[in-house]
């Protein structure tokens, strides 16, 4: 078994090209650094989803700002790879930790100014 990892930038058109190149190699599985809640957010963006987290909403606003500057919204390359994997009848694995776990851990950080 061979595992290949392709690095992408969340806000770069070149990322779509990297994904297209990777699919030319005929993968058996597509693994994405994505969790189910984030995939759902990407799939249904702007449709009244509200997880109640101020941190998540601020992060999404920042990502939209950056995406507006680069022409590719953050996560768009992940959604592209996911959809292409589904269209090509491949297994798609979401291999990232649930963002809610990460946010809860961040809330518990003891941040002190020096």
C-alpha atoms as a PDB file:
ATOM      1  CA  UNK A   1       0.000   0.000   0.000  1.00  0.00           C
ATOM      2  CA  UNK A   2       1.229   3.456  -0.880  1.00  0.00           C
ATOM      3  CA  UNK A   3       0.091   6.563   0.946  1.00  0.00           C
ATOM      4  CA  UNK A   4       0.587   9.934  -0.687  1.00  0.00           C
ATOM      5  CA  UNK A   5      -0.022  13.213   1.049  1.00  0.00           C
ATOM      6  CA  UNK A   6      -0.707  16.361  -0.923  1.00  0.00           C
ATOM      7  CA  UNK A   7      -0.366  19.722   0.736  1.00  0.00           C
ATOM      8  CA  UNK A   8      -2.868  22.404  -0.117  1.00  0.00           C
ATOM      9  CA  UNK A   9      -3.498  25.940   0.976  1.00  0.00           C
ATOM     10  CA  UNK A  10      -7.035  26.686   2.048  1.00  0.00           C
ATOM     11  CA  UNK A  11      -7.197  29.839  -0.049  1.00  0.00           C
ATOM     12  CA  UNK A  12      -5.259  29.102  -3.227  1.00  0.00           C
ATOM     13  CA  UNK A  13      -6.441  28.185  -6.718  1.00  0.00           C
ATOM     14  CA  UNK A  14      -3.283  26.070  -7.028  1.00  0.00           C
ATOM     15  CA  UNK A  15      -4.826  23.766  -4.412  1.00  0.00           C
ATOM     16  CA  UNK A  16      -7.552  22.763  -6.871  1.00  0.00           C
ATOM     17  CA  UNK A  17      -4.847  21.973  -9.420  1.00  0.00           C
ATOM     18  CA  UNK A  18      -2.981  19.832  -6.854  1.00  0.00           C
ATOM     19  CA  UNK A  19      -6.192  17.931  -6.151  1.00  0.00           C
ATOM     20  CA  UNK A  20      -6.808  17.368  -9.858  1.00  0.00           C
ATOM     21  CA  UNK A  21      -3.254  16.024 -10.241  1.00  0.00           C
ATOM     22  CA  UNK A  22      -3.743  13.697  -7.273  1.00  0.00           C
ATOM     23  CA  UNK A  23      -6.916  12.253  -8.790  1.00  0.00           C
ATOM     24  CA  UNK A  24      -5.053  11.535 -12.030  1.00  0.00           C
ATOM     25  CA  UNK A  25      -2.993   9.027 -10.037  1.00  0.00           C
ATOM     26  CA  UNK A  26      -6.122   6.957  -9.322  1.00  0.00           C
ATOM     27  CA  UNK A  27      -6.399   6.900  -5.537  1.00  0.00           C
ATOM     28  CA  UNK A  28      -8.298   4.151  -3.738  1.00  0.00           C
ATOM     29  CA  UNK A  29      -9.283   6.407  -0.825  1.00  0.00           C
ATOM     30  CA  UNK A  30      -9.475  10.158  -0.367  1.00  0.00           C
ATOM     31  CA  UNK A  31      -8.545  11.249   3.168  1.00  0.00           C
ATOM     32  CA  UNK A  32      -9.313  14.833   4.080  1.00  0.00           C
ATOM     33  CA  UNK A  33      -8.073  16.849   7.051  1.00  0.00           C
ATOM     34  CA  UNK A  34     -11.666  17.652   7.861  1.00  0.00           C
ATOM     35  CA  UNK A  35     -14.226  16.670  10.488  1.00  0.00           C
ATOM     36  CA  UNK A  36     -17.942  15.960   9.940  1.00  0.00           C
ATOM     37  CA  UNK A  37     -19.193  19.276  11.435  1.00  0.00           C
ATOM     38  CA  UNK A  38     -16.826  21.289   9.234  1.00  0.00           C
ATOM     39  CA  UNK A  39     -17.839  19.298   6.140  1.00  0.00           C
ATOM     40  CA  UNK A  40     -21.473  19.968   6.956  1.00  0.00           C
ATOM     41  CA  UNK A  41     -20.711  23.662   7.397  1.00  0.00           C
ATOM     42  CA  UNK A  42     -18.998  23.751   3.997  1.00  0.00           C
ATOM     43  CA  UNK A  43     -21.831  21.884   2.313  1.00  0.00           C
ATOM     44  CA  UNK A  44     -24.596  24.028   3.798  1.00  0.00           C
ATOM     45  CA  UNK A  45     -22.797  27.347   4.214  1.00  0.00           C
ATOM     46  CA  UNK A  46     -25.130  30.285   4.548  1.00  0.00           C
ATOM     47  CA  UNK A  47     -28.230  28.194   5.205  1.00  0.00           C
ATOM     48  CA  UNK A  48     -29.022  29.262   8.745  1.00  0.00           C
ATOM     49  CA  UNK A  49     -26.503  27.068  10.547  1.00  0.00           C
ATOM     50  CA  UNK A  50     -25.658  28.436  13.978  1.00  0.00           C
ATOM     51  CA  UNK A  51     -23.538  26.419  16.368  1.00  0.00           C
ATOM     52  CA  UNK A  52     -23.622  29.179  18.980  1.00  0.00           C
ATOM     53  CA  UNK A  53     -19.825  29.452  19.219  1.00  0.00           C
ATOM     54  CA  UNK A  54     -18.518  33.011  19.001  1.00  0.00           C
ATOM     55  CA  UNK A  55     -15.030  31.677  18.288  1.00  0.00           C
ATOM     56  CA  UNK A  56     -16.245  29.660  15.288  1.00  0.00           C
ATOM     57  CA  UNK A  57     -18.226  32.597  13.908  1.00  0.00           C
ATOM     58  CA  UNK A  58     -15.205  34.904  14.234  1.00  0.00           C
ATOM     59  CA  UNK A  59     -12.988  32.338  12.548  1.00  0.00           C
ATOM     60  CA  UNK A  60     -15.486  31.977   9.695  1.00  0.00           C
ATOM     61  CA  UNK A  61     -15.625  35.771   9.230  1.00  0.00           C
ATOM     62  CA  UNK A  62     -11.840  35.955   9.077  1.00  0.00           C
ATOM     63  CA  UNK A  63     -11.727  33.084   6.580  1.00  0.00           C
ATOM     64  CA  UNK A  64     -14.314  34.796   4.376  1.00  0.00           C
ATOM     65  CA  UNK A  65     -12.225  37.960   4.444  1.00  0.00           C
ATOM     66  CA  UNK A  66      -9.101  36.049   3.358  1.00  0.00           C
ATOM     67  CA  UNK A  67     -11.085  34.134   0.738  1.00  0.00           C
ATOM     68  CA  UNK A  68     -12.368  37.398  -0.687  1.00  0.00           C
ATOM     69  CA  UNK A  69      -8.769  38.537  -1.140  1.00  0.00           C
ATOM     70  CA  UNK A  70      -7.573  35.318  -2.820  1.00  0.00           C
ATOM     71  CA  UNK A  71     -10.651  34.300  -4.801  1.00  0.00           C
ATOM     72  CA  UNK A  72     -10.973  30.873  -3.144  1.00  0.00           C
ATOM     73  CA  UNK A  73     -12.938  30.537   0.053  1.00  0.00           C
ATOM     74  CA  UNK A  74     -11.270  28.577   2.865  1.00  0.00           C
ATOM     75  CA  UNK A  75     -12.318  24.943   2.752  1.00  0.00           C
ATOM     76  CA  UNK A  76     -13.433  25.148  -0.862  1.00  0.00           C
ATOM     77  CA  UNK A  77     -10.584  22.848  -1.890  1.00  0.00           C
ATOM     78  CA  UNK A  78     -11.692  20.313   0.738  1.00  0.00           C
ATOM     79  CA  UNK A  79     -15.259  20.396  -0.535  1.00  0.00           C
ATOM     80  CA  UNK A  80     -13.967  20.058  -4.097  1.00  0.00           C
ATOM     81  CA  UNK A  81     -11.904  16.960  -3.174  1.00  0.00           C
ATOM     82  CA  UNK A  82     -14.810  15.490  -1.205  1.00  0.00           C
ATOM     83  CA  UNK A  83     -17.273  15.952  -4.068  1.00  0.00           C
ATOM     84  CA  UNK A  84     -14.823  14.620  -6.620  1.00  0.00           C
ATOM     85  CA  UNK A  85     -14.153  11.539  -4.481  1.00  0.00           C
ATOM     86  CA  UNK A  86     -17.893  10.886  -4.148  1.00  0.00           C
ATOM     87  CA  UNK A  87     -18.430  11.413  -7.897  1.00  0.00           C
ATOM     88  CA  UNK A  88     -15.641   8.947  -8.675  1.00  0.00           C
ATOM     89  CA  UNK A  89     -17.164   6.398  -6.261  1.00  0.00           C
ATOM     90  CA  UNK A  90     -14.176   6.444  -3.909  1.00  0.00           C
ATOM     91  CA  UNK A  91     -14.157   6.026  -0.156  1.00  0.00           C
ATOM     92  CA  UNK A  92     -13.757   9.417   1.503  1.00  0.00           C
ATOM     93  CA  UNK A  93     -12.302   9.475   5.019  1.00  0.00           C
ATOM     94  CA  UNK A  94     -12.615  12.526   7.266  1.00  0.00           C
ATOM     95  CA  UNK A  95      -9.480  12.323   9.395  1.00  0.00           C
ATOM     96  CA  UNK A  96      -9.497  15.485  11.510  1.00  0.00           C
ATOM     97  CA  UNK A  97     -10.573  15.880  15.124  1.00  0.00           C
ATOM     98  CA  UNK A  98     -14.014  17.359  15.657  1.00  0.00           C
ATOM     99  CA  UNK A  99     -13.610  21.161  15.714  1.00  0.00           C
ATOM    100  CA  UNK A 100     -15.822  21.344  18.804  1.00  0.00           C
ATOM    101  CA  UNK A 101     -13.230  19.355  20.784  1.00  0.00           C
ATOM    102  CA  UNK A 102     -10.495  21.742  19.656  1.00  0.00           C
ATOM    103  CA  UNK A 103     -12.576  24.799  20.584  1.00  0.00           C
ATOM    104  CA  UNK A 104     -13.332  23.384  24.037  1.00  0.00           C
ATOM    105  CA  UNK A 105      -9.617  22.765  24.614  1.00  0.00           C
ATOM    106  CA  UNK A 106      -8.789  26.310  23.516  1.00  0.00           C
ATOM    107  CA  UNK A 107     -11.300  27.688  26.009  1.00  0.00           C
ATOM    108  CA  UNK A 108      -9.437  25.933  28.821  1.00  0.00           C
ATOM    109  CA  UNK A 109      -6.038  27.437  27.988  1.00  0.00           C
ATOM    110  CA  UNK A 110      -4.529  29.539  30.733  1.00  0.00           C
ATOM    111  CA  UNK A 111      -3.416  32.596  28.793  1.00  0.00           C
ATOM    112  CA  UNK A 112      -1.411  35.131  30.749  1.00  0.00           C
ATOM    113  CA  UNK A 113       0.292  38.241  29.562  1.00  0.00           C
ATOM    114  CA  UNK A 114       3.900  38.722  30.556  1.00  0.00           C
END
